[in-house]
């Protein structure tokens, strides 16, 4: 099991990886992260950015290099990554790439309790999901195609992965829908009977 990190949320990793490029103040960090769409790749709570930066500094992963004020704006502290912060970002990235983690989704939660609905209703809901997934897949393919050639593949790899996961989910949903519509889903009759009799 991985050692507990001093600042363990993914926003901290995102901050460390952009601070490696050059010193920045937290407002600039947020701007860079937003411009790169990092909130699409990881859960980011923008309101906690300043707290995360302070915690990274407290643990010696970032250090303040200057502080200044421009006009009536609030004072801004510029931070740079420390050698310990660089190592932390590299180790954390290695861990994320090498070690599968259990990451339950809201869809999995819905699947785990779908027996509480009638099979026909579940099929209707899955058709709706299938339609929405098809739209998202089309949008993701279009966005990826627009960026290919203009943006190095290294910076599109997470978009490729997200598209592959959408396609896999869509195929699985279609397969489940086929089982429900053709009546080959195991114990389908018992499931229907339960909703008729509540027994």
Protein backbone atom coordinates (compact mmCIF):
# COMPACT_ATOMS: atom_id res chain seq x y z
CA UNK A 1 0.00 0.00 0.00
CA UNK A 2 1.24 3.49 -0.87
CA UNK A 3 2.57 5.72 1.88
CA UNK A 4 0.16 8.44 2.97
CA UNK A 5 1.01 11.70 1.24
CA UNK A 6 1.39 14.92 3.26
CA UNK A 7 -1.07 16.67 0.91
CA UNK A 8 -3.11 13.91 -0.67
CA UNK A 9 -5.63 15.37 -3.10
CA UNK A 10 -5.19 15.45 -6.85
CA UNK A 11 -5.33 19.24 -6.94
CA UNK A 12 -2.02 19.18 -5.02
CA UNK A 13 -0.49 16.99 -7.73
CA UNK A 14 -1.79 19.32 -10.45
CA UNK A 15 -0.29 22.34 -8.62
CA UNK A 16 3.07 20.62 -8.24
CA UNK A 17 3.22 19.62 -11.89
CA UNK A 18 2.56 23.13 -13.18
CA UNK A 19 4.84 24.74 -10.59
CA UNK A 20 7.66 22.61 -12.03
CA UNK A 21 7.44 24.72 -15.19
CA UNK A 22 8.01 28.08 -13.51
CA UNK A 23 7.23 29.96 -10.28
CA UNK A 24 3.62 31.21 -10.12
CA UNK A 25 1.15 32.75 -7.72
CA UNK A 26 -2.00 30.70 -6.92
CA UNK A 27 -4.27 32.79 -9.15
CA UNK A 28 -2.00 32.08 -12.12
CA UNK A 29 -1.89 28.39 -11.17
CA UNK A 30 -5.69 28.28 -11.30
CA UNK A 31 -5.70 30.04 -14.69
CA UNK A 32 -3.19 27.59 -16.16
CA UNK A 33 -5.03 24.56 -14.77
CA UNK A 34 -8.34 25.81 -16.16
CA UNK A 35 -6.84 26.61 -19.56
CA UNK A 36 -5.49 23.05 -19.75
CA UNK A 37 -8.84 21.54 -18.76
CA UNK A 38 -7.43 19.80 -15.71
CA UNK A 39 -10.86 19.97 -14.05
CA UNK A 40 -11.97 17.48 -16.74
CA UNK A 41 -9.22 15.01 -15.75
CA UNK A 42 -9.43 15.16 -11.98
CA UNK A 43 -11.80 16.39 -9.29
CA UNK A 44 -10.77 19.96 -8.53
CA UNK A 45 -12.34 22.15 -5.87
CA UNK A 46 -11.21 25.59 -6.95
CA UNK A 47 -12.19 27.13 -3.61
CA UNK A 48 -9.53 25.05 -1.86
CA UNK A 49 -6.64 25.99 -4.17
CA UNK A 50 -5.10 28.54 -1.77
CA UNK A 51 -5.36 26.07 1.11
CA UNK A 52 -3.67 23.36 -0.98
CA UNK A 53 -0.85 25.75 -1.94
CA UNK A 54 -0.34 26.74 1.71
CA UNK A 55 -0.28 23.07 2.75
CA UNK A 56 2.25 22.21 0.03
CA UNK A 57 4.43 25.07 1.30
CA UNK A 58 3.98 23.97 4.91
CA UNK A 59 5.27 20.49 3.99
CA UNK A 60 8.24 21.87 2.05
CA UNK A 61 6.95 20.90 -1.40
CA UNK A 62 6.54 24.52 -2.53
CA UNK A 63 8.37 27.61 -1.32
CA UNK A 64 7.52 31.28 -1.52
CA UNK A 65 10.03 33.19 -3.66
CA UNK A 66 8.49 36.65 -3.73
CA UNK A 67 5.48 38.58 -2.61
CA UNK A 68 4.15 41.74 -4.14
CA UNK A 69 1.16 43.92 -4.86
CA UNK A 70 0.06 45.59 -8.10
CA UNK A 71 -2.12 48.64 -7.62
CA UNK A 72 -5.23 47.94 -5.56
CA UNK A 73 -4.99 44.18 -6.05
CA UNK A 74 -4.40 41.95 -3.03
CA UNK A 75 -0.85 40.90 -2.27
CA UNK A 76 0.25 37.89 -4.32
CA UNK A 77 2.84 35.38 -3.24
CA UNK A 78 4.76 33.59 -5.97
CA UNK A 79 5.68 29.95 -5.25
CA UNK A 80 8.17 27.60 -6.84
CA UNK A 81 8.44 23.86 -6.49
CA UNK A 82 11.18 22.53 -4.23
CA UNK A 83 13.30 19.49 -5.01
CA UNK A 84 11.16 17.55 -2.51
CA UNK A 85 8.06 18.76 -4.36
CA UNK A 86 9.47 17.66 -7.70
CA UNK A 87 10.22 14.18 -6.28
CA UNK A 88 6.74 14.02 -4.73
CA UNK A 89 5.09 14.86 -8.07
CA UNK A 90 7.19 12.25 -9.89
CA UNK A 91 6.56 9.52 -7.28
CA UNK A 92 2.83 10.29 -7.20
CA UNK A 93 2.59 10.17 -10.99
CA UNK A 94 4.42 6.84 -11.03
CA UNK A 95 1.95 5.48 -8.49
CA UNK A 96 -1.10 6.71 -10.45
CA UNK A 97 0.18 5.18 -13.69
CA UNK A 98 1.35 1.85 -12.27
CA UNK A 99 -1.16 0.89 -9.59
CA UNK A 100 -4.84 0.27 -10.38
CA UNK A 101 -7.13 1.81 -7.78
CA UNK A 102 -10.74 0.98 -7.06
CA UNK A 103 -12.62 4.03 -8.29
CA UNK A 104 -16.36 3.36 -7.96
CA UNK A 105 -18.60 5.51 -10.14
CA UNK A 106 -22.14 6.75 -9.67
CA UNK A 107 -23.12 4.43 -12.55
CA UNK A 108 -21.78 1.44 -10.62
CA UNK A 109 -23.80 2.58 -7.61
CA UNK A 110 -26.93 2.74 -9.78
CA UNK A 111 -26.24 -0.72 -11.20
CA UNK A 112 -25.83 -2.14 -7.70
CA UNK A 113 -29.40 -1.12 -6.77
CA UNK A 114 -31.16 -1.39 -10.14
CA UNK A 115 -33.14 -4.40 -8.86
CA UNK A 116 -35.32 -1.89 -7.03
CA UNK A 117 -36.76 -0.82 -10.40
CA UNK A 118 -38.81 -2.86 -12.88
CA UNK A 119 -36.70 -4.45 -15.66
CA UNK A 120 -38.62 -2.54 -18.35
CA UNK A 121 -37.88 0.76 -16.63
CA UNK A 122 -34.20 -0.18 -16.30
CA UNK A 123 -34.12 -0.94 -20.03
CA UNK A 124 -35.68 2.47 -20.80
CA UNK A 125 -33.12 4.23 -18.59
CA UNK A 126 -30.25 2.32 -20.17
CA UNK A 127 -31.49 3.26 -23.66
CA UNK A 128 -31.43 6.89 -22.53
CA UNK A 129 -27.88 6.42 -21.19
CA UNK A 130 -26.84 4.72 -24.42
CA UNK A 131 -28.14 7.66 -26.45
CA UNK A 132 -26.33 10.19 -24.22
CA UNK A 133 -23.12 8.15 -24.35
CA UNK A 134 -23.29 8.12 -28.15
CA UNK A 135 -23.53 11.92 -28.13
CA UNK A 136 -20.60 12.25 -25.73
CA UNK A 137 -18.51 9.85 -27.79
CA UNK A 138 -19.21 11.84 -30.94
CA UNK A 139 -18.30 15.11 -29.16
CA UNK A 140 -15.11 13.57 -27.72
CA UNK A 141 -14.06 12.18 -31.12
CA UNK A 142 -14.66 15.55 -32.76
CA UNK A 143 -12.70 17.44 -30.07
CA UNK A 144 -9.82 14.96 -30.29
CA UNK A 145 -9.73 15.16 -34.09
CA UNK A 146 -9.60 18.97 -33.94
CA UNK A 147 -6.63 18.93 -31.58
CA UNK A 148 -4.65 16.14 -33.24
CA UNK A 149 -1.84 17.60 -35.29
CA UNK A 150 -2.01 20.91 -33.42
CA UNK A 151 -1.34 19.56 -29.92
CA UNK A 152 1.33 16.92 -29.22
CA UNK A 153 -0.19 13.51 -28.43
CA UNK A 154 1.48 13.60 -25.01
CA UNK A 155 -1.03 16.29 -24.02
CA UNK A 156 -4.02 14.45 -25.52
CA UNK A 157 -3.43 11.04 -24.00
CA UNK A 158 -5.94 11.52 -21.16
CA UNK A 159 -8.57 12.53 -23.75
CA UNK A 160 -7.83 9.34 -25.71
CA UNK A 161 -8.27 7.31 -22.53
CA UNK A 162 -11.53 9.06 -21.64
CA UNK A 163 -12.87 8.34 -25.12
CA UNK A 164 -11.86 4.67 -24.87
CA UNK A 165 -13.65 4.39 -21.50
CA UNK A 166 -16.81 5.99 -22.95
CA UNK A 167 -16.72 3.57 -25.89
CA UNK A 168 -16.24 0.58 -23.58
CA UNK A 169 -19.11 1.69 -21.35
CA UNK A 170 -21.38 2.24 -24.37
CA UNK A 171 -20.60 -1.27 -25.68
CA UNK A 172 -21.31 -2.81 -22.26
CA UNK A 173 -24.60 -0.92 -21.89
CA UNK A 174 -25.69 -2.07 -25.37
CA UNK A 175 -24.85 -5.65 -24.38
CA UNK A 176 -26.92 -5.42 -21.19
CA UNK A 177 -29.79 -3.87 -23.13
CA UNK A 178 -29.69 -6.80 -25.57
CA UNK A 179 -29.96 -9.26 -22.67
CA UNK A 180 -32.92 -7.38 -21.20
CA UNK A 181 -34.75 -6.97 -24.51
CA UNK A 182 -34.15 -10.57 -25.68
CA UNK A 183 -35.00 -12.02 -22.27
CA UNK A 184 -31.62 -13.71 -21.82
CA UNK A 185 -30.72 -11.82 -18.63
CA UNK A 186 -30.52 -14.45 -15.84
CA UNK A 187 -33.53 -14.55 -13.45
CA UNK A 188 -35.37 -11.89 -15.46
CA UNK A 189 -38.71 -13.59 -14.76
CA UNK A 190 -38.03 -13.63 -11.00
CA UNK A 191 -37.07 -9.95 -11.15
CA UNK A 192 -40.32 -9.09 -12.93
CA UNK A 193 -42.32 -11.26 -10.53
CA UNK A 194 -40.85 -9.48 -7.53
CA UNK A 195 -42.21 -6.17 -8.80
CA UNK A 196 -45.61 -7.72 -9.41
CA UNK A 197 -45.92 -9.48 -6.06
CA UNK A 198 -43.34 -7.66 -3.89
CA UNK A 199 -42.18 -11.11 -2.75
